[in-house]
Amino acid sequence: MTVDPHTLLMLPKIPGIGIMRLRSLVNYFGDPVRVLEATPRELAAVEGIEEKTAMVIARFCRSAAMADIRRHADDQMRRLERLGGRLVSFWDKDYPVNLKKIYDPPVALFTRGTFDLKDACSIAVVGTRDPSPYGVHFAERFTTDLARKGLPIISGLARGIDTCAHGAALRAHARTIAVIGSGIDRIYPSENGPLAERIARSGVVISEYEMGAKPDAVNFPRRNRIISGIALATLVVETGTDGGAMITATTALDQNRDVFAVPSAVNEKQKSGTNLLIRESKALLVECADDILAELAPRLRGVINSPSPVQREAPADLSLFERQIYDALPEDTPVHIDTLVQCAGLSIADTLVHLLSLEIKGVVRQTPGKMFSRL
């Protein structure tokens, strides 16, 4: 069924209506508008609504205070429409099917972009906000390989691994989903605003928080259940033992979803969360995307793209020396500047000058440690 989004925004503001009761009321009446019009006796017929609560709800719905709630809902809808967004309710047909199955799914999602049936096969990629070159490399490598198989990538638009995952998915011309812990009109971190715009054009940016909601710290652990809830499985790339990605892994396990982890170096004590997940048998150790695909194969039949070699051609506008450097870079693994100088056959000064030009053109990226790779 389709519910009125404007009225749906009003219901949580009414005393006595929490999320669980809201879901029960809409399921019973079939439309939020009928909840506002119901008598105390009709409300009390709903499971979980006591007579006293029914009286409180009915009385409030007929009070002058409803005018303020209606104005608030009006303002929310106007702001959403100005942004080109939409409110997707739990009862709408395009609400993510996997998310409906968790214990406490949001009753409404503020969205920019559109959902797709393939989102049921999405893979969540999460990790630390302060990744090492190792973490960046594997986040991008796993994401690229999964995305090329046609699997949507979901993450949280945070700094670090989340940003790497979204960016790699977009570079692979794949669908990606961002779940944020603020209003969709208040992208956090702010430097990811352009990234959110790109995601909304080919995927979807979503939040359960109202327009204008600040990125309060308490929002992020709660939004993690949506990341794992939409996904078929969760991949943890690099995280501390108490990082936010560990919360996502825990919620994924609570939701009976698969969790995979990329092992960290044993001397990286600050980022040993993935090793802990593996050691406690909470996550399956994976070394490449094929490990994930093999484990999920029965559920991905007819979904993943057939394997085909991807031929990357150098952009047409490269100079002779830029093309020489571009061709010397391997397809997937970042290389150190010293190795690149030897492979390209140029001086280190010339190599650095042309690398800067390639970075400006958006075909090469530099990672910490003077490591370079193709985009």
Protein backbone atom coordinates (compact mmCIF):
# COMPACT_ATOMS: atom_id res chain seq x y z
CA MET A 1 0.00 0.00 0.00
CA THR A 2 1.02 3.65 -0.44
CA VAL A 3 0.76 6.00 2.52
CA ASP A 4 0.56 9.79 2.63
CA PRO A 5 4.13 10.99 3.37
CA HIS A 6 3.00 14.33 4.84
CA THR A 7 0.81 12.69 7.47
CA LEU A 8 3.43 10.02 8.13
CA LEU A 9 5.82 12.78 9.21
CA MET A 10 3.23 14.06 11.68
CA LEU A 11 2.52 10.83 13.55
CA PRO A 12 5.85 10.51 15.48
CA LYS A 13 5.29 14.00 16.91
CA ILE A 14 2.04 12.95 18.60
CA PRO A 15 2.39 11.97 22.30
CA GLY A 16 1.92 8.24 22.79
CA ILE A 17 3.01 7.24 19.29
CA GLY A 18 6.46 5.69 19.20
CA ILE A 19 7.93 3.90 16.20
CA MET A 20 6.51 0.48 17.11
CA ARG A 21 3.02 1.90 17.73
CA LEU A 22 3.23 3.97 14.57
CA ARG A 23 3.87 0.84 12.53
CA SER A 24 0.98 -0.97 14.24
CA LEU A 25 -1.40 1.94 13.69
CA VAL A 26 -0.63 2.31 9.98
CA ASN A 27 -0.82 -1.46 9.45
CA TYR A 28 -4.22 -1.51 11.15
CA PHE A 29 -5.81 1.56 9.53
CA GLY A 30 -4.00 1.33 6.19
CA ASP A 31 -3.42 5.08 6.00
CA PRO A 32 -1.87 7.62 8.43
CA VAL A 33 -4.75 10.03 7.72
CA ARG A 34 -7.24 7.58 9.26
CA VAL A 35 -5.10 7.45 12.42
CA LEU A 36 -5.58 11.19 12.89
CA GLU A 37 -9.33 10.81 12.47
CA ALA A 38 -9.79 7.70 14.65
CA THR A 39 -11.87 7.67 17.84
CA PRO A 40 -10.43 6.46 21.15
CA ARG A 41 -12.38 3.19 20.77
CA GLU A 42 -10.97 2.60 17.27
CA LEU A 43 -7.45 3.37 18.44
CA ALA A 44 -7.77 1.02 21.43
CA ALA A 45 -8.62 -1.82 19.03
CA VAL A 46 -5.04 -1.72 17.73
CA GLU A 47 -2.64 -4.20 19.33
CA GLY A 48 -0.30 -2.41 21.75
CA ILE A 49 -2.56 0.63 22.23
CA GLU A 50 -4.10 0.75 25.72
CA GLU A 51 -7.28 2.71 26.40
CA LYS A 52 -5.41 5.45 28.25
CA THR A 53 -2.93 5.85 25.37
CA ALA A 54 -5.81 5.86 22.88
CA MET A 55 -7.44 8.72 24.77
CA VAL A 56 -4.18 10.72 24.81
CA ILE A 57 -3.67 10.24 21.06
CA ALA A 58 -7.25 11.07 20.08
CA ARG A 59 -7.38 14.13 22.32
CA PHE A 60 -4.09 15.49 20.99
CA CYS A 61 -5.16 14.93 17.34
CA ARG A 62 -8.08 17.26 17.98
CA SER A 63 -6.08 19.92 19.82
CA ALA A 64 -4.67 23.23 18.61
CA ALA A 65 -1.15 21.79 18.98
CA MET A 66 -1.69 19.81 15.77
CA ALA A 67 -1.31 23.03 13.80
CA ASP A 68 2.37 23.27 14.78
CA ILE A 69 2.95 19.64 13.85
CA ARG A 70 1.25 20.17 10.50
CA ARG A 71 3.42 23.22 9.80
CA HIS A 72 6.53 21.23 10.66
CA ALA A 73 5.53 18.48 8.22
CA ASP A 74 4.78 21.11 5.57
CA ASP A 75 8.25 22.58 6.03
CA GLN A 76 9.90 19.14 5.83
CA MET A 77 8.11 18.29 2.58
CA ARG A 78 8.99 21.65 1.03
CA ARG A 79 12.66 21.26 1.89
CA LEU A 80 12.68 17.73 0.55
CA GLU A 81 11.03 18.78 -2.72
CA ARG A 82 13.46 21.69 -3.18
CA LEU A 83 16.31 19.21 -2.92
CA GLY A 84 14.67 16.91 -5.47
CA GLY A 85 14.22 14.23 -2.81
CA ARG A 86 11.46 11.88 -1.79
CA LEU A 87 10.15 10.22 1.37
CA VAL A 88 10.02 6.44 0.96
CA SER A 89 7.87 4.73 3.59
CA PHE A 90 8.05 1.20 4.96
CA TRP A 91 4.83 0.46 3.06
CA ASP A 92 6.03 1.67 -0.36
CA LYS A 93 6.85 -0.99 -2.94
CA ASP A 94 10.38 0.32 -3.53
CA TYR A 95 11.39 0.27 0.16
CA PRO A 96 14.55 -1.93 0.38
CA VAL A 97 13.39 -5.52 0.76
CA ASN A 98 16.26 -6.61 3.02
CA LEU A 99 15.72 -3.67 5.35
CA LYS A 100 12.13 -4.71 5.97
CA LYS A 101 13.41 -7.92 7.56
CA ILE A 102 15.45 -6.37 10.39
CA TYR A 103 14.12 -5.94 13.92
CA ASP A 104 13.63 -2.17 13.84
CA PRO A 105 13.47 -0.87 10.25
CA PRO A 106 12.87 2.88 9.82
CA VAL A 107 9.26 3.70 8.99
CA ALA A 108 10.45 6.32 6.51
CA LEU A 109 13.62 7.15 4.59
CA PHE A 110 14.51 10.57 3.23
CA THR A 111 16.09 9.87 -0.15
CA ARG A 112 17.88 11.48 -3.08
CA GLY A 113 18.08 9.11 -6.02
CA THR A 114 16.16 5.88 -6.48
CA PHE A 115 16.20 2.37 -5.11
CA ASP A 116 16.65 -0.64 -7.38
CA LEU A 117 15.71 -4.32 -7.11
CA LYS A 118 19.41 -5.16 -7.32
CA ASP A 119 19.97 -3.40 -3.99
CA ALA A 120 18.94 -6.66 -2.33
CA CYS A 121 22.32 -8.00 -3.52
CA SER A 122 24.38 -5.02 -2.39
CA ILE A 123 27.58 -5.45 -0.40
CA ALA A 124 28.36 -3.08 2.47
CA VAL A 125 32.00 -1.96 2.60
CA VAL A 126 32.96 -0.31 5.88
CA GLY A 127 36.05 0.55 7.87
CA THR A 128 38.11 3.16 9.67
CA ARG A 129 37.97 6.91 9.05
CA ASP A 130 41.79 6.95 9.17
CA PRO A 131 42.92 4.17 6.84
CA SER A 132 46.48 3.15 6.05
CA PRO A 133 47.65 2.82 2.42
CA TYR A 134 47.01 -0.90 2.88
CA GLY A 135 43.39 -0.24 3.88
CA VAL A 136 42.81 2.20 1.02
CA HIS A 137 44.24 -0.25 -1.49
CA PHE A 138 42.10 -3.18 -0.41
CA ALA A 139 38.94 -1.10 0.01
CA GLU A 140 39.28 0.09 -3.57
CA ARG A 141 40.36 -3.29 -4.92
CA PHE A 142 37.49 -5.24 -3.34
CA THR A 143 34.94 -2.57 -4.22
CA THR A 144 36.08 -2.34 -7.84
CA ASP A 145 35.99 -6.10 -8.35
CA LEU A 146 32.57 -6.49 -6.71
CA ALA A 147 31.16 -3.50 -8.58
CA ARG A 148 32.36 -4.86 -11.92
CA LYS A 149 30.33 -7.98 -11.17
CA GLY A 150 27.24 -5.77 -11.03
CA LEU A 151 26.82 -5.69 -7.25
CA PRO A 152 25.76 -2.35 -5.70
CA ILE A 153 28.10 -1.04 -3.00
CA ILE A 154 26.70 0.48 0.19
CA SER A 155 28.57 2.52 2.79
CA GLY A 156 28.21 5.50 5.10
CA LEU A 157 29.83 8.44 3.23
CA ALA A 158 32.24 8.98 6.13
CA ARG A 159 35.88 9.89 5.66
CA GLY A 160 38.28 7.04 5.03
CA ILE A 161 37.16 3.61 3.89
CA ASP A 162 33.56 4.73 3.21
CA THR A 163 34.75 7.44 0.84
CA CYS A 164 37.14 5.00 -0.85
CA ALA A 165 34.32 2.51 -1.40
CA HIS A 166 31.87 5.02 -2.87
CA GLY A 167 34.56 6.53 -5.10
CA ALA A 168 35.76 3.16 -6.40
CA ALA A 169 32.19 2.09 -7.18
CA LEU A 170 31.55 5.27 -9.16
CA ARG A 171 34.82 4.89 -11.07
CA ALA A 172 33.69 1.38 -11.99
CA HIS A 173 30.45 2.91 -13.31
CA ALA A 174 28.51 0.93 -10.70
CA ARG A 175 25.63 1.70 -8.40
CA THR A 176 26.42 2.85 -4.87
CA ILE A 177 24.26 3.71 -1.85
CA ALA A 178 25.18 6.15 0.92
CA VAL A 179 23.47 5.99 4.32
CA ILE A 180 24.17 9.11 6.35
CA GLY A 181 23.69 10.15 9.97
CA SER A 182 22.29 13.61 9.32
CA GLY A 183 19.61 15.20 7.16
CA ILE A 184 20.21 14.58 3.44
CA ASP A 185 20.47 18.35 3.07
CA ARG A 186 23.37 18.45 5.58
CA ILE A 187 26.04 16.20 4.12
CA TYR A 188 28.77 15.26 6.58
CA PRO A 189 31.67 15.57 6.17
CA SER A 190 31.06 18.67 4.06
CA GLU A 191 33.91 17.86 1.66
CA ASN A 192 31.89 14.84 0.53
CA GLY A 193 29.11 17.05 -0.80
CA PRO A 194 30.21 16.61 -4.44
CA LEU A 195 30.53 12.86 -3.87
CA ALA A 196 26.96 12.74 -2.52
CA GLU A 197 25.76 14.58 -5.64
CA ARG A 198 27.37 11.96 -7.89
CA ILE A 199 25.93 9.12 -5.82
CA ALA A 200 22.41 10.58 -6.02
CA ARG A 201 22.60 10.72 -9.82
CA SER A 202 23.32 7.00 -10.28
CA GLY A 203 22.39 5.49 -6.92
CA VAL A 204 20.76 6.86 -3.79
CA VAL A 205 21.64 8.88 -0.68
CA ILE A 206 19.39 8.05 2.27
CA SER A 207 18.78 8.99 5.89
CA GLU A 208 16.16 8.23 8.51
CA TYR A 209 16.78 11.67 10.01
CA GLU A 210 14.69 14.71 9.12
CA MET A 211 15.74 17.51 6.82
CA GLY A 212 18.15 19.81 8.61
CA ALA A 213 19.18 17.20 11.20
CA LYS A 214 22.72 17.76 12.46
CA PRO A 215 25.35 15.00 12.25
CA ASP A 216 25.20 14.28 15.99
CA ALA A 217 27.52 11.54 17.20
CA VAL A 218 24.62 9.43 18.53
CA ASN A 219 23.14 9.18 15.03
CA PHE A 220 25.96 7.20 13.47
CA PRO A 221 25.85 3.96 15.47
CA ARG A 222 22.10 3.82 14.81
CA ARG A 223 22.43 4.46 11.06
CA ASN A 224 24.84 1.49 10.86
CA ARG A 225 21.92 -0.94 11.21
CA ILE A 226 20.54 0.50 7.96
CA ILE A 227 23.84 -0.03 6.13
CA SER A 228 23.99 -3.70 7.14
CA GLY A 229 20.20 -4.03 6.91
CA ILE A 230 20.01 -3.11 3.23
CA ALA A 231 23.05 -5.20 2.30
CA LEU A 232 23.21 -8.89 1.54
CA ALA A 233 26.57 -9.03 3.33
CA THR A 234 29.09 -6.72 5.00
CA LEU A 235 32.82 -6.46 4.28
CA VAL A 236 35.03 -4.88 6.96
CA VAL A 237 38.32 -3.71 5.49
CA GLU A 238 40.26 -2.00 8.28
CA THR A 239 39.10 -0.86 11.73
CA GLY A 240 40.05 -0.56 15.35
CA THR A 241 38.56 -2.97 17.86
CA ASP A 242 36.09 -0.33 19.00
CA GLY A 243 35.50 1.43 15.68
CA GLY A 244 32.15 2.19 14.10
CA ALA A 245 32.72 -0.57 11.55
CA MET A 246 32.71 -3.07 14.43
CA ILE A 247 29.21 -1.84 15.31
CA THR A 248 28.14 -2.41 11.71
CA ALA A 249 29.61 -5.92 11.81
CA THR A 250 27.75 -6.66 15.04
CA THR A 251 24.43 -5.40 13.69
CA ALA A 252 24.96 -7.45 10.52
CA LEU A 253 25.44 -10.58 12.64
CA ASP A 254 22.33 -9.70 14.69
CA GLN A 255 20.44 -9.41 11.39
CA ASN A 256 21.68 -12.88 10.36
CA ARG A 257 23.79 -11.47 7.52
CA ASP A 258 27.21 -12.64 6.38
CA VAL A 259 30.26 -10.70 7.53
CA PHE A 260 33.63 -10.80 5.76
CA ALA A 261 36.91 -9.25 6.89
CA VAL A 262 40.24 -8.40 5.30
CA PRO A 263 43.01 -9.34 7.77
CA SER A 264 45.27 -6.56 8.99
CA ALA A 265 49.02 -6.74 9.52
CA VAL A 266 49.87 -8.15 12.95
CA ASN A 267 51.90 -5.05 13.84
CA GLU A 268 48.91 -2.75 13.21
CA LYS A 269 47.52 -2.92 16.74
CA GLN A 270 45.44 0.23 16.25
CA LYS A 271 43.63 -1.38 13.32
CA SER A 272 43.26 -4.98 14.46
CA GLY A 273 39.45 -5.08 14.58
CA THR A 274 39.22 -7.26 11.48
CA ASN A 275 41.65 -9.76 13.02
CA LEU A 276 39.49 -9.87 16.15
CA LEU A 277 36.37 -10.58 14.07
CA ILE A 278 38.18 -13.40 12.28
CA ARG A 279 39.69 -14.84 15.48
CA GLU A 280 36.29 -14.92 17.19
CA SER A 281 34.72 -16.57 14.11
CA LYS A 282 32.40 -13.59 13.61
CA ALA A 283 33.72 -12.90 10.12
CA LEU A 284 35.09 -14.99 7.29
CA LEU A 285 38.63 -14.13 6.23
CA VAL A 286 38.76 -12.99 2.60
CA GLU A 287 41.74 -12.17 0.41
CA CYS A 288 39.95 -11.18 -2.79
CA ALA A 289 36.45 -10.46 -4.09
CA ASP A 290 36.18 -13.99 -5.48
CA ASP A 291 36.19 -15.31 -1.90
CA ILE A 292 33.03 -13.28 -1.22
CA LEU A 293 31.41 -14.22 -4.52
CA ALA A 294 32.06 -17.92 -3.91
CA GLU A 295 30.46 -17.77 -0.46
CA LEU A 296 27.40 -15.89 -1.72
CA ALA A 297 27.13 -17.73 -5.06
CA PRO A 298 23.81 -19.51 -4.35
CA ARG A 299 22.14 -16.16 -3.64
CA LEU A 300 23.72 -14.35 -6.58
CA ARG A 301 22.68 -16.63 -9.41
CA GLY A 302 21.45 -14.55 -12.32
CA VAL A 303 22.64 -11.35 -10.65
CA ILE A 304 26.40 -11.05 -11.12
CA ASN A 305 27.83 -10.09 -14.47
CA SER A 306 29.62 -12.72 -16.49
CA PRO A 307 33.38 -12.46 -16.13
CA SER A 308 34.94 -10.41 -18.87
CA PRO A 309 38.32 -8.73 -19.00
CA VAL A 310 38.13 -4.98 -18.57
CA GLN A 311 40.39 -3.15 -20.97
CA ARG A 312 41.34 0.30 -19.74
CA GLU A 313 42.46 2.60 -22.51
CA ALA A 314 44.56 5.66 -21.80
CA PRO A 315 42.61 8.92 -22.15
CA ALA A 316 43.06 10.48 -25.57
CA ASP A 317 44.31 13.85 -24.32
CA LEU A 318 47.58 12.59 -22.78
CA SER A 319 50.95 13.87 -23.93
CA LEU A 320 53.65 11.43 -25.04
CA PHE A 321 55.36 11.43 -21.63
CA GLU A 322 52.05 11.28 -19.70
CA ARG A 323 51.04 8.23 -21.74
CA GLN A 324 54.46 6.68 -21.06
CA ILE A 325 53.89 7.03 -17.30
CA TYR A 326 50.25 5.93 -17.52
CA ASP A 327 51.23 2.77 -19.39
CA ALA A 328 53.92 2.03 -16.78
CA LEU A 329 51.35 2.01 -13.95
CA PRO A 330 49.87 -1.44 -13.19
CA GLU A 331 46.08 -1.90 -13.40
CA ASP A 332 45.31 -2.49 -9.72
CA THR A 333 48.31 -2.24 -7.37
CA PRO A 334 49.82 1.14 -6.36
CA VAL A 335 53.57 1.41 -7.00
CA HIS A 336 56.26 3.52 -5.38
CA ILE A 337 57.66 6.50 -7.26
CA ASP A 338 61.11 4.83 -7.50
CA THR A 339 59.64 1.78 -9.21
CA LEU A 340 57.57 3.95 -11.53
CA VAL A 341 60.65 5.98 -12.55
CA GLN A 342 62.45 2.78 -13.55
CA CYS A 343 59.45 1.40 -15.47
CA ALA A 344 58.76 4.66 -17.29
CA GLY A 345 62.39 5.31 -18.17
CA LEU A 346 62.22 8.99 -17.17
CA SER A 347 64.03 11.08 -14.59
CA ILE A 348 62.37 11.44 -11.19
CA ALA A 349 61.87 15.18 -11.77
CA ASP A 350 60.13 14.63 -15.13
CA THR A 351 58.07 11.79 -13.70
CA LEU A 352 56.80 13.92 -10.80
CA VAL A 353 55.89 16.81 -13.13
CA HIS A 354 53.87 14.57 -15.45
CA LEU A 355 52.29 12.69 -12.52
CA LEU A 356 50.95 16.01 -11.22
CA SER A 357 49.44 16.68 -14.63
CA LEU A 358 47.86 13.20 -14.66
CA GLU A 359 46.40 13.79 -11.18
CA ILE A 360 44.86 17.07 -12.34
CA LYS A 361 43.33 15.24 -15.31
CA GLY A 362 41.81 12.73 -12.88
CA VAL A 363 43.43 9.56 -14.25
CA VAL A 364 46.06 8.93 -11.56
CA ARG A 365 45.94 9.17 -7.78
CA GLN A 366 48.64 9.44 -5.14
CA THR A 367 48.37 7.67 -1.79
CA PRO A 368 50.59 8.11 1.30
CA GLY A 369 54.18 6.94 0.93
CA LYS A 370 54.64 8.29 -2.62
CA MET A 371 52.54 5.46 -4.03
CA PHE A 372 50.71 5.96 -7.33
CA SER A 373 47.95 4.11 -9.11
CA ARG A 374 45.51 4.49 -12.01
CA LEU A 375 41.95 5.63 -11.44
